[in-house]
Amino acid sequence: MFLEAFAPIFRCAAIETINHLLSGAEFNKSMWNTYLQKTYQMSKRHANSVIAYAKGRVDGAKEHRTLHIKTLEGKTKSIESWIKKAERKLKLAQKFYAKKNWQNSKTGCNFPLSCSVKHKETNWHNLKFQIHNKKRKLYLIKSKIKSLGCKPIKVSVLHEQVFIVGSKDENFGNQVAQWDGKTIKFRVPACLEARFGKYIISNIGNFERNINRLPETGAKTWHFFKKDCKWNAAVQFTPSDVKRQSKDRAYGAIGIDMNPGSIGWSYVDTEGNLKSHGQIPLEMGLPSGKQQAQIVDACLILANLAIRYACPVVCEELDFSDKKERLGEQGRKYSRMLSNWAYSEFYKQLNSILSNRGVELITANPAYSSLIGLVKYIKMYGLSSDCAAALVIARRGMRLSEKIPCAITAYFEVNSDKHVWHNWSQLNKRIKRSSKINRRHDYFTLPDWSFLVNLENEEA
């Protein structure tokens, strides 16, 4: 009953504070706190909670607007790059067919003219139509970016919720809502004292977990919200430290490679040699609840492996927001793969579960990890592509270098003055231009790398 009565007052105060923050006027926290106390007849701590809640909502809305504009700008760059490549491809093809003896050409056309019997149109006509649609989409996105730059920011304030900010210098981490482990004592604002008295006391629990990191001291911020016709209480706190169960990365590490269908993992010892590996299967297209449970189960398996080997877990430092900006210019299979799987949720859960068990999580740059795994380790250890990439990630987390094997440098000239990734980049470009390797299984059956010499001769 008290929360039902206090929630509308809290919401009105939060809306007025948000409007003041968005008005552009100078915000003086002390003066506004005094104003809220007089207007809504609440204490200083209640007013501080309203201000903290309002600032959080405003900052979140501004950050969301910035992220939205950044995403749209990324899409424009991706579309412009696609249009430039498509127009160049079409121009080179037209230039090729303009030659008199193009039938006797040794190089061939980069985009040969062909006709579809089913659709009764040429591939050139289809490409021109795609370019036309991309330009229309580019115009709409640029117009949207322009409108978002001058459009006022709107902030939504939910009904039936109360937010009480805590402080580490106060008893039980909060002056307004004090919880001793079983009973919570809530200080009633002056506007409701006539109905509910000075304090509201209630039993509250069900915070038990398998690993409880709730400290006795420190700030505790409370959030009361109504869901399914019931009031719920959530507490935010700084967790206490747990006993470290993973050794330093110099003694070994577990690397993981994330894929929609499975998670490949590899454990390497202190010398960087493979000792164990495996895969954690994952299902695609599950409902959100089952997918969340599947993510948690996979993270628990990785946590148990890290505890068994007493080593940290190394994962890729990936920004999938950049990849999702280019979904419109990628294939359907790749786009569906990125859209259906909750990558960010997996890494969020993994970080939470590992930290609760005293296991260190290390991030590493994933540059050329798949290529290095395919070239160096997939045939050496008989691994799958994801386990080979996980092996590279684990070694990189241990700060071990990955040089190009001597079997390749005998046919491929490397530049020792530049970073080793430059050489891997050059090798990757040559492999893509060759016809010897068309799929990942070809790395198992490849007898040697002599085809690299032929590519150099063709370039010369």
Protein backbone atom coordinates (compact mmCIF):
# COMPACT_ATOMS: atom_id res chain seq x y z
CA MET A 1 0.00 0.00 0.00
CA PHE A 2 2.83 2.40 0.80
CA LEU A 3 4.63 1.74 -2.50
CA GLU A 4 1.35 2.17 -4.39
CA ALA A 5 0.96 5.60 -2.75
CA PHE A 6 4.62 6.73 -3.04
CA ALA A 7 5.25 5.60 -6.66
CA PRO A 8 3.07 8.36 -8.30
CA ILE A 9 4.78 11.03 -6.17
CA PHE A 10 8.21 9.68 -7.10
CA ARG A 11 7.25 9.62 -10.81
CA CYS A 12 5.98 13.22 -10.81
CA ALA A 13 9.18 14.42 -9.13
CA ALA A 14 11.30 12.43 -11.61
CA ILE A 15 9.41 13.84 -14.62
CA GLU A 16 9.85 17.41 -13.42
CA THR A 17 13.57 16.79 -12.81
CA ILE A 18 14.04 15.25 -16.26
CA ASN A 19 12.26 18.19 -17.92
CA HIS A 20 14.56 20.58 -16.08
CA LEU A 21 17.65 18.62 -17.16
CA LEU A 22 16.51 18.57 -20.79
CA SER A 23 15.59 22.26 -20.83
CA GLY A 24 19.23 23.25 -21.18
CA ALA A 25 19.18 25.51 -18.10
CA GLU A 26 22.01 25.35 -15.61
CA PHE A 27 21.40 22.55 -13.13
CA ASN A 28 22.29 23.18 -9.51
CA LYS A 29 21.86 19.93 -7.62
CA SER A 30 21.71 21.53 -4.17
CA MET A 31 19.05 24.09 -5.15
CA TRP A 32 17.00 21.50 -7.02
CA ASN A 33 17.18 19.15 -4.05
CA THR A 34 15.77 21.89 -1.86
CA TYR A 35 13.04 22.57 -4.41
CA LEU A 36 11.98 18.90 -4.47
CA GLN A 37 11.89 18.77 -0.66
CA LYS A 38 9.57 21.77 -0.46
CA THR A 39 7.37 20.87 -3.44
CA TYR A 40 6.84 17.17 -2.74
CA GLN A 41 7.42 17.18 1.04
CA MET A 42 10.17 14.60 1.05
CA SER A 43 13.52 14.31 2.81
CA LYS A 44 16.91 15.14 1.32
CA ARG A 45 17.69 11.45 0.72
CA HIS A 46 14.43 10.92 -1.15
CA ALA A 47 15.20 13.94 -3.33
CA ASN A 48 18.74 12.65 -3.98
CA SER A 49 17.23 9.39 -5.20
CA VAL A 50 14.90 11.24 -7.58
CA ILE A 51 17.81 13.27 -8.98
CA ALA A 52 20.01 10.20 -9.40
CA TYR A 53 17.20 8.33 -11.17
CA ALA A 54 16.44 11.28 -13.47
CA LYS A 55 20.10 11.79 -14.39
CA GLY A 56 20.44 8.12 -15.19
CA ARG A 57 17.42 8.21 -17.52
CA VAL A 58 18.61 11.37 -19.27
CA ASP A 59 22.19 10.12 -19.69
CA GLY A 60 20.88 6.81 -21.00
CA ALA A 61 18.66 8.56 -23.56
CA LYS A 62 21.53 10.75 -24.76
CA GLU A 63 23.83 7.76 -25.02
CA HIS A 64 21.18 5.85 -26.96
CA ARG A 65 20.78 8.78 -29.39
CA THR A 66 24.55 8.95 -29.91
CA LEU A 67 24.73 5.19 -30.48
CA HIS A 68 21.78 5.36 -32.91
CA ILE A 69 23.49 8.06 -34.99
CA LYS A 70 26.77 6.16 -34.91
CA THR A 71 25.04 3.01 -36.16
CA LEU A 72 23.38 4.90 -39.00
CA GLU A 73 26.69 6.51 -39.95
CA GLY A 74 28.29 3.07 -40.01
CA LYS A 75 25.53 1.87 -42.34
CA THR A 76 26.12 4.81 -44.68
CA LYS A 77 29.83 4.02 -44.89
CA SER A 78 29.06 0.37 -45.59
CA ILE A 79 26.54 1.24 -48.33
CA GLU A 80 28.85 3.81 -49.92
CA SER A 81 31.68 1.27 -49.99
CA TRP A 82 29.38 -1.33 -51.58
CA ILE A 83 28.16 1.13 -54.23
CA LYS A 84 31.73 2.13 -55.07
CA LYS A 85 32.83 -1.48 -55.51
CA ALA A 86 29.73 -2.40 -57.53
CA GLU A 87 30.09 0.57 -59.89
CA ARG A 88 33.78 -0.19 -60.38
CA LYS A 89 32.99 -3.83 -61.11
CA LEU A 90 30.43 -2.80 -63.71
CA LYS A 91 32.75 -0.22 -65.25
CA LEU A 92 35.62 -2.72 -65.60
CA ALA A 93 33.28 -5.28 -67.16
CA GLN A 94 32.01 -2.74 -69.70
CA LYS A 95 35.58 -1.73 -70.48
CA PHE A 96 36.52 -5.38 -71.02
CA TYR A 97 33.69 -6.05 -73.50
CA ALA A 98 34.52 -2.82 -75.36
CA LYS A 99 37.78 -4.40 -76.56
CA LYS A 100 37.83 -5.82 -80.05
CA ASN A 101 39.39 -9.21 -79.26
CA TRP A 102 37.91 -9.77 -75.81
CA GLN A 103 37.20 -13.42 -76.73
CA ASN A 104 40.95 -14.12 -76.82
CA SER A 105 41.75 -12.41 -73.53
CA LYS A 106 43.96 -14.41 -71.13
CA THR A 107 42.74 -12.76 -67.93
CA GLY A 108 39.00 -12.90 -68.56
CA CYS A 109 36.28 -10.60 -67.28
CA ASN A 110 35.90 -9.85 -63.57
CA PHE A 111 32.09 -9.71 -63.97
CA PRO A 112 31.13 -11.73 -67.08
CA LEU A 113 27.81 -10.95 -68.70
CA SER A 114 25.16 -13.63 -68.20
CA CYS A 115 21.40 -13.92 -68.58
CA SER A 116 18.83 -15.64 -66.38
CA VAL A 117 16.32 -17.75 -68.30
CA LYS A 118 13.96 -17.75 -65.34
CA HIS A 119 13.92 -13.98 -64.66
CA LYS A 120 14.72 -12.93 -68.27
CA GLU A 121 17.29 -10.34 -67.31
CA THR A 122 21.08 -10.03 -67.27
CA ASN A 123 23.29 -9.92 -64.21
CA TRP A 124 24.35 -6.41 -65.26
CA HIS A 125 20.73 -5.24 -65.18
CA ASN A 126 20.29 -6.84 -61.76
CA LEU A 127 23.43 -5.14 -60.40
CA LYS A 128 22.29 -1.75 -61.72
CA PHE A 129 18.94 -2.28 -60.01
CA GLN A 130 20.71 -3.12 -56.72
CA ILE A 131 22.86 0.02 -57.03
CA HIS A 132 19.72 2.10 -57.58
CA ASN A 133 18.06 0.65 -54.45
CA LYS A 134 21.21 1.14 -52.38
CA LYS A 135 21.36 4.81 -53.36
CA ARG A 136 17.73 5.26 -52.33
CA LYS A 137 18.43 3.59 -48.99
CA LEU A 138 21.53 5.76 -48.53
CA TYR A 139 19.47 8.91 -49.08
CA LEU A 140 16.88 7.83 -46.50
CA ILE A 141 19.53 7.02 -43.89
CA LYS A 142 21.31 10.36 -44.40
CA SER A 143 17.98 12.17 -44.06
CA LYS A 144 17.31 10.29 -40.83
CA ILE A 145 20.74 11.21 -39.44
CA LYS A 146 20.06 14.86 -40.25
CA SER A 147 16.68 14.79 -38.51
CA LEU A 148 18.06 13.03 -35.43
CA GLY A 149 20.70 15.74 -35.03
CA CYS A 150 18.07 18.40 -34.35
CA LYS A 151 15.27 16.25 -32.93
CA PRO A 152 14.66 16.76 -29.17
CA ILE A 153 15.45 13.86 -26.88
CA LYS A 154 12.50 12.12 -25.24
CA VAL A 155 12.80 10.22 -21.97
CA SER A 156 10.24 7.72 -20.75
CA VAL A 157 9.51 7.30 -17.05
CA LEU A 158 7.88 4.05 -16.04
CA HIS A 159 4.91 3.84 -13.70
CA GLU A 160 4.87 2.02 -10.34
CA GLN A 161 8.53 2.08 -9.36
CA VAL A 162 10.63 3.62 -6.61
CA PHE A 163 14.38 4.15 -6.69
CA ILE A 164 16.41 4.73 -3.50
CA VAL A 165 20.11 5.50 -3.93
CA GLY A 166 22.52 4.31 -1.23
CA SER A 167 25.81 5.47 0.27
CA LYS A 168 28.74 3.59 1.80
CA ASP A 169 28.95 6.08 4.71
CA GLU A 170 25.47 5.22 6.04
CA ASN A 171 24.21 2.38 8.21
CA PHE A 172 23.30 -0.71 6.18
CA GLY A 173 24.48 1.16 3.06
CA ASN A 174 21.31 3.27 2.83
CA GLN A 175 19.65 5.82 5.08
CA VAL A 176 16.12 5.56 3.66
CA ALA A 177 15.88 1.78 3.11
CA GLN A 178 17.88 -0.20 5.68
CA TRP A 179 17.98 -3.99 5.37
CA ASP A 180 19.52 -6.14 8.09
CA GLY A 181 19.34 -9.38 6.11
CA LYS A 182 15.73 -10.20 6.95
CA THR A 183 13.80 -7.01 7.63
CA ILE A 184 13.80 -3.76 5.66
CA LYS A 185 13.02 -0.45 7.39
CA PHE A 186 11.82 2.23 4.98
CA ARG A 187 11.75 5.94 5.96
CA VAL A 188 8.39 7.37 4.91
CA PRO A 189 8.46 10.84 3.29
CA ALA A 190 6.69 13.66 5.12
CA CYS A 191 3.84 13.79 2.60
CA LEU A 192 2.73 10.26 3.58
CA GLU A 193 3.53 10.22 7.30
CA ALA A 194 -0.09 10.94 8.21
CA ARG A 195 -1.19 7.71 6.48
CA PHE A 196 1.68 5.30 7.15
CA GLY A 197 3.64 6.73 10.06
CA LYS A 198 7.33 7.55 10.17
CA TYR A 199 8.66 4.11 9.14
CA ILE A 200 7.41 1.11 7.19
CA ILE A 201 8.88 -2.24 8.26
CA SER A 202 8.54 -5.44 6.25
CA ASN A 203 10.22 -8.82 5.91
CA ILE A 204 12.10 -9.28 2.66
CA GLY A 205 14.24 -12.17 1.50
CA ASN A 206 14.88 -14.69 -1.27
CA PHE A 207 18.29 -13.18 -2.00
CA GLU A 208 20.08 -16.46 -1.35
CA ARG A 209 22.38 -17.64 -4.14
CA ASN A 210 24.83 -20.52 -4.51
CA ILE A 211 27.59 -17.93 -4.40
CA ASN A 212 26.52 -14.99 -2.23
CA ARG A 213 28.75 -11.94 -2.64
CA LEU A 214 26.50 -9.47 -0.82
CA PRO A 215 28.81 -7.61 1.64
CA GLU A 216 27.80 -6.42 5.08
CA THR A 217 29.21 -2.94 4.44
CA GLY A 218 29.14 -0.69 1.40
CA ALA A 219 26.44 1.19 -0.48
CA LYS A 220 23.19 -0.61 -1.31
CA THR A 221 20.86 0.99 -3.84
CA TRP A 222 17.29 -0.29 -3.84
CA HIS A 223 14.86 -0.48 -6.75
CA PHE A 224 11.24 -1.34 -6.06
CA PHE A 225 9.13 -2.12 -9.12
CA LYS A 226 5.78 -3.74 -9.84
CA LYS A 227 5.61 -6.75 -12.15
CA ASP A 228 2.70 -9.15 -12.70
CA CYS A 229 0.65 -7.32 -10.03
CA LYS A 230 3.37 -7.92 -7.42
CA TRP A 231 5.98 -5.58 -5.98
CA ASN A 232 9.57 -6.75 -6.36
CA ALA A 233 12.72 -5.52 -4.66
CA ALA A 234 16.13 -5.44 -6.32
CA VAL A 235 19.34 -4.37 -4.62
CA GLN A 236 22.49 -3.09 -6.34
CA PHE A 237 25.82 -3.33 -4.51
CA THR A 238 29.55 -3.67 -4.96
CA PRO A 239 30.26 -7.40 -4.56
CA SER A 240 32.87 -8.56 -2.11
CA ASP A 241 36.02 -10.20 -3.43
CA VAL A 242 36.15 -13.96 -3.85
CA LYS A 243 39.06 -16.33 -3.59
CA ARG A 244 41.13 -16.43 -6.78
CA GLN A 245 41.01 -19.89 -8.38
CA SER A 246 42.88 -19.19 -11.60
CA LYS A 247 46.63 -18.85 -11.79
CA ASP A 248 48.54 -16.29 -13.81
CA ARG A 249 48.23 -16.55 -17.59
CA ALA A 250 51.91 -17.52 -17.83
CA TYR A 251 51.01 -20.98 -16.43
CA GLY A 252 48.42 -21.72 -19.14
CA ALA A 253 45.06 -20.52 -20.41
CA ILE A 254 41.80 -21.66 -22.02
CA GLY A 255 40.92 -19.94 -25.28
CA ILE A 256 37.38 -19.91 -26.68
CA ASP A 257 36.09 -19.24 -30.17
CA MET A 258 32.43 -18.24 -30.33
CA ASN A 259 30.24 -19.49 -33.17
CA PRO A 260 26.44 -19.69 -33.51
CA GLY A 261 26.45 -23.50 -33.66
CA SER A 262 29.13 -24.25 -31.06
CA ILE A 263 31.82 -22.88 -28.79
CA GLY A 264 35.28 -24.26 -29.44
CA TRP A 265 37.74 -24.29 -26.53
CA SER A 266 41.41 -25.21 -26.23
CA TYR A 267 43.64 -25.47 -23.17
CA VAL A 268 47.35 -24.71 -23.59
CA ASP A 269 50.12 -25.21 -21.02
CA THR A 270 52.84 -22.82 -19.93
CA GLU A 271 54.83 -23.48 -23.13
CA GLY A 272 51.86 -22.71 -25.35
CA ASN A 273 51.31 -26.34 -26.37
CA LEU A 274 47.85 -27.82 -26.78
CA LYS A 275 46.84 -30.13 -23.94
CA SER A 276 43.09 -30.46 -24.28
CA HIS A 277 40.29 -29.20 -26.49
CA GLY A 278 36.58 -29.68 -27.13
CA GLN A 279 33.32 -28.17 -28.32
CA ILE A 280 30.17 -27.03 -26.54
CA PRO A 281 27.20 -27.52 -28.92
CA LEU A 282 24.60 -24.77 -29.18
CA GLU A 283 21.14 -24.69 -30.74
CA MET A 284 19.91 -21.86 -32.94
CA GLY A 285 16.44 -20.36 -33.11
CA LEU A 286 15.43 -21.07 -29.51
CA PRO A 287 12.98 -18.85 -27.61
CA SER A 288 14.57 -16.14 -25.48
CA GLY A 289 14.11 -18.06 -22.20
CA LYS A 290 15.62 -21.30 -23.49
CA GLN A 291 18.42 -19.44 -25.24
CA GLN A 292 19.27 -17.64 -22.00
CA ALA A 293 19.38 -20.99 -20.14
CA GLN A 294 21.59 -22.44 -22.87
CA ILE A 295 24.02 -19.51 -22.57
CA VAL A 296 24.22 -19.93 -18.80
CA ASP A 297 24.88 -23.68 -19.12
CA ALA A 298 27.69 -23.04 -21.63
CA CYS A 299 29.26 -20.44 -19.34
CA LEU A 300 29.09 -22.84 -16.38
CA ILE A 301 30.89 -25.53 -18.42
CA LEU A 302 33.68 -23.07 -19.25
CA ALA A 303 33.88 -22.00 -15.59
CA ASN A 304 34.26 -25.62 -14.46
CA LEU A 305 37.00 -26.18 -17.05
CA ALA A 306 38.85 -23.09 -15.84
CA ILE A 307 38.60 -24.26 -12.22
CA ARG A 308 39.78 -27.76 -13.17
CA TYR A 309 42.87 -26.45 -14.97
CA ALA A 310 43.31 -23.46 -12.58
CA CYS A 311 43.79 -21.05 -15.46
CA PRO A 312 42.12 -17.91 -16.88
CA VAL A 313 39.75 -17.86 -19.85
CA VAL A 314 40.73 -15.87 -22.94
CA CYS A 315 37.99 -14.66 -25.30
CA GLU A 316 37.90 -12.52 -28.39
CA GLU A 317 37.61 -8.77 -28.08
CA LEU A 318 34.79 -8.39 -30.58
CA ASP A 319 32.53 -5.46 -31.35
CA PHE A 320 29.51 -6.98 -33.05
CA SER A 321 27.87 -3.57 -33.42
CA ASP A 322 30.29 -2.80 -36.26
CA LYS A 323 29.50 -6.11 -37.96
CA LYS A 324 25.76 -5.60 -37.61
CA GLU A 325 26.08 -2.21 -39.31
CA ARG A 326 27.16 -4.07 -42.46
CA LEU A 327 24.41 -6.70 -42.44
CA GLY A 328 22.69 -5.20 -45.48
CA GLU A 329 25.79 -5.74 -47.63
CA GLN A 330 26.52 -9.29 -46.45
CA GLY A 331 25.03 -12.61 -47.47
CA ARG A 332 21.77 -13.87 -46.02
CA LYS A 333 23.40 -16.73 -44.15
CA TYR A 334 25.97 -14.47 -42.47
CA SER A 335 23.35 -11.85 -41.61
CA ARG A 336 21.02 -14.45 -40.10
CA MET A 337 23.91 -15.88 -38.10
CA LEU A 338 24.72 -12.53 -36.46
CA SER A 339 21.08 -11.58 -35.88
CA ASN A 340 19.89 -14.82 -34.29
CA TRP A 341 22.61 -15.30 -31.70
CA ALA A 342 23.03 -13.11 -28.59
CA TYR A 343 26.79 -12.56 -28.66
CA SER A 344 26.83 -9.65 -26.23
CA GLU A 345 24.61 -11.54 -23.78
CA PHE A 346 26.98 -14.53 -23.85
CA TYR A 347 30.05 -12.45 -22.98
CA LYS A 348 28.07 -10.58 -20.31
CA GLN A 349 27.01 -13.82 -18.64
CA LEU A 350 30.48 -15.31 -19.00
CA ASN A 351 32.10 -12.34 -17.29
CA SER A 352 29.55 -12.46 -14.44
CA ILE A 353 29.85 -16.22 -13.84
CA LEU A 354 33.65 -16.28 -14.00
CA SER A 355 34.03 -13.29 -11.65
CA ASN A 356 31.69 -14.96 -9.12
CA ARG A 357 33.99 -17.99 -9.09
CA GLY A 358 37.31 -16.19 -8.92
CA VAL A 359 38.32 -16.94 -12.52
CA GLU A 360 40.00 -14.23 -14.57
CA LEU A 361 38.57 -13.34 -17.98
CA ILE A 362 41.08 -11.94 -20.48
CA THR A 363 40.24 -10.37 -23.82
CA ALA A 364 42.53 -10.61 -26.85
CA ASN A 365 42.52 -9.08 -30.30
CA PRO A 366 41.05 -11.68 -32.70
CA ALA A 367 42.95 -10.41 -35.77
CA TYR A 368 43.75 -13.31 -38.15
CA SER A 369 43.01 -15.89 -35.42
CA SER A 370 40.96 -18.07 -37.78
CA LEU A 371 43.58 -17.88 -40.53
CA ILE A 372 46.45 -18.72 -38.17
CA GLY A 373 44.51 -21.65 -36.74
CA LEU A 374 43.78 -23.01 -40.23
CA VAL A 375 47.33 -22.58 -41.52
CA LYS A 376 49.33 -23.70 -38.46
CA TYR A 377 47.29 -25.92 -36.14
CA ILE A 378 44.31 -27.49 -37.91
CA LYS A 379 46.51 -30.09 -39.62
CA MET A 380 49.13 -30.33 -36.87
CA TYR A 381 46.66 -31.39 -34.16
CA GLY A 382 43.71 -32.53 -36.29
CA LEU A 383 41.43 -29.86 -34.87
CA SER A 384 38.20 -28.32 -36.03
CA SER A 385 38.38 -24.73 -37.21
CA ASP A 386 36.86 -23.28 -34.02
CA CYS A 387 39.20 -25.23 -31.72
CA ALA A 388 42.18 -24.14 -33.83
CA ALA A 389 41.08 -20.51 -33.55
CA ALA A 390 40.58 -20.98 -29.79
CA LEU A 391 44.15 -22.28 -29.56
CA VAL A 392 45.41 -19.09 -31.24
CA ILE A 393 43.30 -16.93 -28.89
CA ALA A 394 44.70 -18.76 -25.84
CA ARG A 395 48.31 -18.30 -27.01
CA ARG A 396 47.66 -14.64 -27.78
CA GLY A 397 46.22 -14.16 -24.30
CA MET A 398 49.50 -15.58 -22.97
CA ARG A 399 51.37 -13.00 -25.10
CA LEU A 400 52.91 -15.62 -27.37
CA SER A 401 53.68 -14.65 -30.97
CA GLU A 402 52.47 -16.46 -34.11
CA LYS A 403 55.01 -16.43 -36.93
CA ILE A 404 54.37 -17.81 -40.38
CA PRO A 405 55.68 -21.42 -40.62
CA CYS A 406 58.93 -22.10 -42.48
CA ALA A 407 57.06 -24.40 -44.88
CA ILE A 408 55.29 -21.28 -46.17
CA THR A 409 58.15 -18.77 -46.02
CA ALA A 410 60.10 -21.03 -48.41
CA TYR A 411 57.60 -19.97 -51.10
CA PHE A 412 56.35 -16.69 -49.69
CA GLU A 413 58.59 -13.73 -48.97
CA VAL A 414 58.00 -12.04 -45.61
CA ASN A 415 59.02 -8.58 -44.50
CA SER A 416 60.79 -8.81 -41.14
CA ASP A 417 60.75 -5.02 -40.70
CA LYS A 418 56.97 -4.94 -40.37
CA HIS A 419 54.60 -6.40 -37.79
CA VAL A 420 53.88 -10.11 -38.07
CA TRP A 421 50.20 -9.34 -38.74
CA HIS A 422 51.23 -7.57 -41.95
CA ASN A 423 52.72 -10.81 -43.24
CA TRP A 424 49.59 -12.74 -42.27
CA SER A 425 47.53 -10.13 -44.11
CA GLN A 426 49.58 -10.59 -47.28
CA LEU A 427 49.29 -14.37 -46.98
CA ASN A 428 45.53 -14.10 -46.50
CA LYS A 429 45.19 -12.06 -49.71
CA ARG A 430 47.20 -14.62 -51.69
CA ILE A 431 45.16 -17.53 -50.35
CA LYS A 432 41.92 -15.80 -51.36
CA ARG A 433 43.23 -15.27 -54.91
CA SER A 434 44.29 -18.89 -55.34
CA SER A 435 42.14 -21.76 -56.56
CA LYS A 436 43.85 -24.40 -54.42
CA ILE A 437 41.94 -23.51 -51.24
CA ASN A 438 38.19 -23.07 -51.59
CA ARG A 439 37.01 -24.46 -48.25
CA ARG A 440 38.44 -25.10 -44.81
CA HIS A 441 38.81 -28.84 -45.37
CA ASP A 442 41.39 -28.09 -48.07
CA TYR A 443 43.91 -27.14 -45.36
CA PHE A 444 44.00 -30.82 -44.30
CA THR A 445 44.77 -32.16 -47.79
CA LEU A 446 47.09 -29.39 -49.01
CA PRO A 447 50.45 -31.10 -49.90
CA ASP A 448 52.59 -27.93 -49.94
CA TRP A 449 52.44 -24.19 -50.49
CA SER A 450 54.15 -24.08 -53.87
CA PHE A 451 51.09 -22.44 -55.46
CA LEU A 452 52.19 -19.19 -53.77
CA VAL A 453 55.13 -19.04 -56.20
CA ASN A 454 52.79 -19.31 -59.16
CA LEU A 455 50.74 -16.43 -57.79
CA GLU A 456 53.87 -14.28 -57.56
CA ASN A 457 54.80 -15.16 -61.14
CA GLU A 458 51.32 -14.19 -62.35
CA GLU A 459 51.60 -10.84 -60.54
CA ALA A 460 55.02 -10.21 -62.07
